[in-house]
Amino acid sequence: MTSKKSEEPVWLDAPEDHDYPAAASYLNLTMSPKKVGKIVGSLRKTKVIHFKAKDIFRASGLSLLGVSNSHVEKDRRKIQKGVALSPLLLVRAPELGRVIVADGYHRLCAVYSINEDALIPCQIA
């Protein structure tokens, strides 16, 4: 799907290629490169599944960025124009008791600001 005007997000079938290096860059801040390589490799192979926006926030423990954030606003405009968004990349971190949003935090905030019950496609490792 490419575009249709709506307030409901349109999603790509799979994350974009550039999302994986972005996730790796973020994960490299707290994990070894070897572990990050394994996680990103696993993410690339997993099927896309759906979770509610509010559940991702609860599991991540992250704060909601306001619509005044330029990246969130950019993603809100994409949603309003019907531009397809890339699924989120999530990492289970049982040792932390949470899920890590490795890529897609701003998209998550944008979607949540429109509909907290929206189903968001994700790859999770």
N, C-alpha and C. Protein backbone atom coordinates (compact mmCIF):
# COMPACT_ATOMS: atom_id res chain seq x y z
N MET A 1 0.84 -1.18 0.00
CA MET A 1 0.00 0.00 0.00
C MET A 1 0.88 1.23 0.00
N THR A 2 0.50 2.24 -0.75
CA THR A 2 1.32 3.43 -0.77
C THR A 2 0.63 4.62 -0.13
N SER A 3 -0.56 5.00 -0.59
CA SER A 3 -1.17 6.13 0.08
C SER A 3 -2.68 6.16 -0.12
N LYS A 4 -3.36 6.56 0.94
CA LYS A 4 -4.79 6.85 0.93
C LYS A 4 -5.04 7.79 2.09
N LYS A 5 -5.85 8.81 1.88
CA LYS A 5 -6.07 9.83 2.90
C LYS A 5 -6.94 9.26 4.03
N SER A 6 -6.44 9.38 5.28
CA SER A 6 -7.13 8.78 6.41
C SER A 6 -6.48 9.22 7.71
N GLU A 7 -7.16 8.95 8.82
CA GLU A 7 -6.57 9.15 10.13
C GLU A 7 -6.07 7.82 10.68
N GLU A 8 -6.41 6.73 10.02
CA GLU A 8 -5.89 5.43 10.43
C GLU A 8 -4.58 5.19 9.71
N PRO A 9 -3.57 4.75 10.43
CA PRO A 9 -2.27 4.53 9.78
C PRO A 9 -2.32 3.43 8.72
N VAL A 10 -1.56 3.64 7.68
CA VAL A 10 -1.33 2.63 6.65
C VAL A 10 0.08 2.13 6.90
N TRP A 11 0.27 0.82 6.76
CA TRP A 11 1.57 0.22 7.10
C TRP A 11 2.17 -0.51 5.92
N LEU A 12 3.48 -0.46 5.83
CA LEU A 12 4.20 -1.29 4.88
C LEU A 12 4.11 -2.74 5.36
N ASP A 13 4.30 -3.68 4.47
CA ASP A 13 4.23 -5.09 4.84
C ASP A 13 5.42 -5.53 5.68
N ALA A 14 6.54 -4.84 5.53
CA ALA A 14 7.77 -5.19 6.25
C ALA A 14 8.55 -3.91 6.54
N PRO A 15 9.42 -3.95 7.55
CA PRO A 15 10.27 -2.78 7.81
C PRO A 15 11.14 -2.45 6.59
N GLU A 16 11.48 -1.18 6.47
CA GLU A 16 12.36 -0.75 5.39
C GLU A 16 13.80 -1.17 5.73
N ASP A 17 14.60 -1.37 4.70
CA ASP A 17 15.97 -1.84 4.91
C ASP A 17 16.76 -0.94 5.85
N HIS A 18 16.55 0.36 5.79
CA HIS A 18 17.33 1.28 6.64
C HIS A 18 16.92 1.23 8.12
N ASP A 19 15.80 0.57 8.43
CA ASP A 19 15.36 0.47 9.83
C ASP A 19 16.27 -0.44 10.65
N TYR A 20 16.83 -1.46 10.02
CA TYR A 20 17.68 -2.41 10.76
C TYR A 20 18.99 -1.77 11.22
N PRO A 21 19.70 -1.03 10.36
CA PRO A 21 20.90 -0.33 10.86
C PRO A 21 20.55 0.72 11.92
N ALA A 22 19.39 1.36 11.78
CA ALA A 22 18.97 2.34 12.80
C ALA A 22 18.76 1.65 14.14
N ALA A 23 18.13 0.48 14.10
CA ALA A 23 17.92 -0.29 15.33
C ALA A 23 19.26 -0.71 15.92
N ALA A 24 20.17 -1.16 15.07
CA ALA A 24 21.50 -1.58 15.53
C ALA A 24 22.24 -0.41 16.18
N SER A 25 22.15 0.75 15.60
CA SER A 25 22.81 1.93 16.14
C SER A 25 22.32 2.22 17.56
N TYR A 26 21.01 2.14 17.74
CA TYR A 26 20.44 2.37 19.06
C TYR A 26 20.85 1.28 20.04
N LEU A 27 20.72 0.04 19.63
CA LEU A 27 21.03 -1.09 20.52
C LEU A 27 22.51 -1.12 20.90
N ASN A 28 23.39 -0.66 20.01
CA ASN A 28 24.83 -0.64 20.30
C ASN A 28 25.18 0.27 21.47
N LEU A 29 24.28 1.12 21.87
CA LEU A 29 24.53 1.98 23.03
C LEU A 29 24.55 1.19 24.34
N THR A 30 23.83 0.07 24.37
CA THR A 30 23.72 -0.68 25.63
C THR A 30 24.10 -2.15 25.53
N MET A 31 24.45 -2.60 24.33
CA MET A 31 24.77 -4.02 24.13
C MET A 31 26.05 -4.16 23.33
N SER A 32 26.64 -5.33 23.42
CA SER A 32 27.85 -5.60 22.64
C SER A 32 27.49 -5.73 21.16
N PRO A 33 28.42 -5.38 20.29
CA PRO A 33 28.17 -5.51 18.85
C PRO A 33 27.78 -6.94 18.46
N LYS A 34 28.38 -7.93 19.10
CA LYS A 34 28.06 -9.33 18.79
C LYS A 34 26.59 -9.63 19.11
N LYS A 35 26.14 -9.18 20.28
CA LYS A 35 24.75 -9.41 20.68
C LYS A 35 23.80 -8.65 19.76
N VAL A 36 24.17 -7.42 19.42
CA VAL A 36 23.34 -6.62 18.51
C VAL A 36 23.23 -7.31 17.15
N GLY A 37 24.32 -7.84 16.65
CA GLY A 37 24.30 -8.55 15.37
C GLY A 37 23.34 -9.72 15.39
N LYS A 38 23.34 -10.47 16.49
CA LYS A 38 22.42 -11.61 16.61
C LYS A 38 20.97 -11.14 16.65
N ILE A 39 20.71 -10.08 17.41
CA ILE A 39 19.34 -9.56 17.54
C ILE A 39 18.83 -9.05 16.20
N VAL A 40 19.64 -8.25 15.51
CA VAL A 40 19.21 -7.69 14.23
C VAL A 40 19.02 -8.81 13.20
N GLY A 41 19.89 -9.80 13.23
CA GLY A 41 19.71 -10.95 12.34
C GLY A 41 18.40 -11.67 12.62
N SER A 42 18.08 -11.81 13.89
CA SER A 42 16.82 -12.44 14.29
C SER A 42 15.62 -11.60 13.86
N LEU A 43 15.72 -10.28 14.04
CA LEU A 43 14.62 -9.40 13.63
C LEU A 43 14.33 -9.54 12.14
N ARG A 44 15.38 -9.59 11.34
CA ARG A 44 15.20 -9.70 9.89
C ARG A 44 14.43 -10.96 9.48
N LYS A 45 14.49 -11.99 10.32
CA LYS A 45 13.87 -13.28 9.98
C LYS A 45 12.47 -13.46 10.57
N THR A 46 12.10 -12.63 11.55
CA THR A 46 10.82 -12.85 12.22
C THR A 46 9.65 -12.32 11.40
N LYS A 47 8.52 -12.93 11.61
CA LYS A 47 7.30 -12.50 10.95
C LYS A 47 6.78 -11.24 11.64
N VAL A 48 6.05 -10.46 10.88
CA VAL A 48 5.41 -9.27 11.43
C VAL A 48 4.17 -9.71 12.21
N ILE A 49 4.08 -9.24 13.45
CA ILE A 49 2.89 -9.47 14.28
C ILE A 49 2.39 -8.13 14.78
N HIS A 50 1.19 -8.10 15.34
CA HIS A 50 0.56 -6.84 15.72
C HIS A 50 0.34 -6.75 17.23
N PHE A 51 0.61 -5.55 17.76
CA PHE A 51 0.33 -5.24 19.15
C PHE A 51 -0.36 -3.88 19.21
N LYS A 52 -1.19 -3.68 20.23
CA LYS A 52 -1.82 -2.38 20.42
C LYS A 52 -0.78 -1.36 20.86
N ALA A 53 -0.96 -0.13 20.38
CA ALA A 53 -0.02 0.95 20.73
C ALA A 53 0.11 1.08 22.25
N LYS A 54 -1.00 1.06 22.96
CA LYS A 54 -0.94 1.25 24.42
C LYS A 54 -0.18 0.11 25.10
N ASP A 55 -0.26 -1.09 24.56
CA ASP A 55 0.45 -2.22 25.17
C ASP A 55 1.96 -2.12 24.93
N ILE A 56 2.34 -1.61 23.76
CA ILE A 56 3.77 -1.42 23.49
C ILE A 56 4.33 -0.39 24.47
N PHE A 57 3.59 0.70 24.68
CA PHE A 57 4.06 1.70 25.64
C PHE A 57 4.17 1.12 27.04
N ARG A 58 3.17 0.38 27.46
CA ARG A 58 3.21 -0.21 28.80
C ARG A 58 4.39 -1.16 28.94
N ALA A 59 4.63 -1.98 27.93
CA ALA A 59 5.72 -2.96 28.00
C ALA A 59 7.10 -2.31 27.92
N SER A 60 7.18 -1.16 27.25
CA SER A 60 8.47 -0.50 27.08
C SER A 60 8.84 0.41 28.24
N GLY A 61 7.84 0.92 28.93
CA GLY A 61 8.11 1.87 30.00
C GLY A 61 8.52 3.24 29.50
N LEU A 62 8.41 3.48 28.20
CA LEU A 62 8.79 4.77 27.62
C LEU A 62 7.72 5.83 27.87
N SER A 63 8.13 7.07 27.84
CA SER A 63 7.21 8.20 27.93
C SER A 63 6.71 8.54 26.54
N LEU A 64 5.50 9.04 26.49
CA LEU A 64 4.92 9.48 25.22
C LEU A 64 5.47 10.84 24.87
N LEU A 65 6.05 10.95 23.68
CA LEU A 65 6.50 12.25 23.18
C LEU A 65 5.28 13.01 22.67
N GLY A 66 5.23 14.30 22.92
CA GLY A 66 4.10 15.12 22.48
C GLY A 66 4.13 15.39 21.00
N VAL A 67 2.99 15.83 20.48
CA VAL A 67 2.90 16.11 19.05
C VAL A 67 3.73 17.32 18.68
N SER A 68 4.24 18.05 19.68
CA SER A 68 5.12 19.18 19.37
C SER A 68 6.52 18.70 18.97
N ASN A 69 6.82 17.41 19.20
CA ASN A 69 8.10 16.86 18.76
C ASN A 69 8.09 16.81 17.23
N SER A 70 9.13 17.33 16.60
CA SER A 70 9.13 17.44 15.14
C SER A 70 9.04 16.09 14.44
N HIS A 71 9.66 15.05 15.00
CA HIS A 71 9.61 13.73 14.37
C HIS A 71 8.22 13.10 14.51
N VAL A 72 7.61 13.30 15.66
CA VAL A 72 6.24 12.79 15.86
C VAL A 72 5.28 13.52 14.92
N GLU A 73 5.43 14.83 14.82
CA GLU A 73 4.57 15.61 13.94
C GLU A 73 4.74 15.19 12.49
N LYS A 74 5.97 14.91 12.08
CA LYS A 74 6.23 14.45 10.71
C LYS A 74 5.49 13.13 10.45
N ASP A 75 5.53 12.21 11.43
CA ASP A 75 4.83 10.94 11.25
C ASP A 75 3.32 11.12 11.31
N ARG A 76 2.84 12.04 12.11
CA ARG A 76 1.38 12.33 12.13
C ARG A 76 0.93 12.83 10.76
N ARG A 77 1.73 13.70 10.15
CA ARG A 77 1.37 14.20 8.81
C ARG A 77 1.36 13.06 7.80
N LYS A 78 2.31 12.14 7.92
CA LYS A 78 2.31 10.97 7.02
C LYS A 78 1.02 10.18 7.19
N ILE A 79 0.60 9.98 8.44
CA ILE A 79 -0.64 9.24 8.70
C ILE A 79 -1.82 9.96 8.06
N GLN A 80 -1.89 11.27 8.25
CA GLN A 80 -3.00 12.06 7.71
C GLN A 80 -3.03 12.04 6.18
N LYS A 81 -1.86 11.94 5.56
CA LYS A 81 -1.77 11.89 4.09
C LYS A 81 -1.93 10.48 3.55
N GLY A 82 -1.97 9.49 4.44
CA GLY A 82 -2.11 8.11 3.99
C GLY A 82 -0.81 7.49 3.52
N VAL A 83 0.32 8.06 3.93
CA VAL A 83 1.62 7.50 3.55
C VAL A 83 1.92 6.30 4.46
N ALA A 84 2.31 5.20 3.87
CA ALA A 84 2.56 3.97 4.64
C ALA A 84 3.78 4.12 5.54
N LEU A 85 3.62 3.67 6.78
CA LEU A 85 4.69 3.69 7.77
C LEU A 85 5.35 2.32 7.86
N SER A 86 6.57 2.32 8.32
CA SER A 86 7.32 1.09 8.50
C SER A 86 6.96 0.45 9.85
N PRO A 87 6.80 -0.86 9.90
CA PRO A 87 6.55 -1.53 11.18
C PRO A 87 7.68 -1.26 12.19
N LEU A 88 7.36 -1.42 13.46
CA LEU A 88 8.33 -1.20 14.53
C LEU A 88 9.24 -2.40 14.68
N LEU A 89 10.43 -2.16 15.20
CA LEU A 89 11.37 -3.22 15.56
C LEU A 89 11.50 -3.23 17.07
N LEU A 90 11.10 -4.34 17.69
CA LEU A 90 11.09 -4.48 19.14
C LEU A 90 12.01 -5.59 19.58
N VAL A 91 12.55 -5.45 20.79
CA VAL A 91 13.43 -6.47 21.36
C VAL A 91 12.95 -6.79 22.77
N ARG A 92 12.67 -8.05 23.02
CA ARG A 92 12.30 -8.47 24.37
C ARG A 92 13.53 -8.42 25.26
N ALA A 93 13.39 -7.78 26.41
CA ALA A 93 14.50 -7.68 27.38
C ALA A 93 13.99 -8.16 28.73
N PRO A 94 13.84 -9.49 28.89
CA PRO A 94 13.29 -10.01 30.15
C PRO A 94 14.15 -9.64 31.36
N GLU A 95 15.46 -9.48 31.14
CA GLU A 95 16.33 -9.11 32.26
C GLU A 95 16.01 -7.70 32.76
N LEU A 96 15.38 -6.89 31.92
CA LEU A 96 14.96 -5.54 32.30
C LEU A 96 13.47 -5.48 32.64
N GLY A 97 12.77 -6.57 32.33
CA GLY A 97 11.33 -6.59 32.57
C GLY A 97 10.57 -5.68 31.62
N ARG A 98 11.10 -5.54 30.40
CA ARG A 98 10.43 -4.66 29.44
C ARG A 98 10.80 -5.04 28.01
N VAL A 99 10.19 -4.33 27.08
CA VAL A 99 10.53 -4.47 25.67
C VAL A 99 11.25 -3.20 25.23
N ILE A 100 12.23 -3.35 24.39
CA ILE A 100 12.99 -2.21 23.87
C ILE A 100 12.45 -1.86 22.49
N VAL A 101 12.11 -0.60 22.30
CA VAL A 101 11.71 -0.13 20.97
C VAL A 101 13.01 0.24 20.27
N ALA A 102 13.52 -0.69 19.47
CA ALA A 102 14.81 -0.50 18.80
C ALA A 102 14.69 0.46 17.61
N ASP A 103 13.54 0.48 16.96
CA ASP A 103 13.29 1.43 15.88
C ASP A 103 11.79 1.65 15.79
N GLY A 104 11.40 2.92 15.70
CA GLY A 104 9.99 3.25 15.51
C GLY A 104 9.35 4.02 16.64
N TYR A 105 10.15 4.54 17.57
CA TYR A 105 9.59 5.25 18.72
C TYR A 105 8.72 6.43 18.30
N HIS A 106 9.16 7.22 17.34
CA HIS A 106 8.38 8.38 16.91
C HIS A 106 7.10 7.95 16.20
N ARG A 107 7.19 6.86 15.42
CA ARG A 107 5.98 6.34 14.77
C ARG A 107 4.98 5.87 15.83
N LEU A 108 5.49 5.19 16.85
CA LEU A 108 4.64 4.71 17.94
C LEU A 108 3.93 5.89 18.61
N CYS A 109 4.66 6.94 18.91
CA CYS A 109 4.06 8.12 19.56
C CYS A 109 3.00 8.76 18.66
N ALA A 110 3.29 8.86 17.37
CA ALA A 110 2.34 9.46 16.44
C ALA A 110 1.05 8.65 16.38
N VAL A 111 1.18 7.34 16.27
CA VAL A 111 -0.01 6.48 16.19
C VAL A 111 -0.79 6.55 17.50
N TYR A 112 -0.11 6.46 18.62
CA TYR A 112 -0.76 6.51 19.93
C TYR A 112 -1.55 7.81 20.10
N SER A 113 -0.99 8.92 19.61
CA SER A 113 -1.67 10.21 19.75
C SER A 113 -2.98 10.27 18.98
N ILE A 114 -3.13 9.40 18.00
CA ILE A 114 -4.35 9.34 17.20
C ILE A 114 -5.31 8.29 17.75
N ASN A 115 -4.76 7.11 18.12
CA ASN A 115 -5.61 6.02 18.59
C ASN A 115 -4.76 5.05 19.42
N GLU A 116 -4.90 5.10 20.73
CA GLU A 116 -4.09 4.24 21.59
C GLU A 116 -4.38 2.76 21.41
N ASP A 117 -5.53 2.42 20.84
CA ASP A 117 -5.89 1.04 20.61
C ASP A 117 -5.48 0.53 19.22
N ALA A 118 -4.85 1.39 18.44
CA ALA A 118 -4.45 1.01 17.09
C ALA A 118 -3.50 -0.18 17.14
N LEU A 119 -3.70 -1.11 16.22
CA LEU A 119 -2.79 -2.24 16.09
C LEU A 119 -1.59 -1.82 15.25
N ILE A 120 -0.41 -2.07 15.78
CA ILE A 120 0.83 -1.68 15.11
C ILE A 120 1.59 -2.92 14.72
N PRO A 121 1.94 -3.04 13.44
CA PRO A 121 2.76 -4.19 13.02
C PRO A 121 4.19 -4.04 13.55
N CYS A 122 4.73 -5.15 14.01
CA CYS A 122 6.06 -5.16 14.62
C CYS A 122 6.80 -6.44 14.27
N GLN A 123 8.10 -6.34 14.26
CA GLN A 123 8.94 -7.53 14.30
C GLN A 123 9.56 -7.49 15.69
N ILE A 124 9.54 -8.64 16.37
CA ILE A 124 10.05 -8.68 17.74
C ILE A 124 10.99 -9.84 17.90
N ALA A 125 12.11 -9.58 18.53
CA ALA A 125 13.12 -10.62 18.79
C ALA A 125 13.32 -10.75 20.28
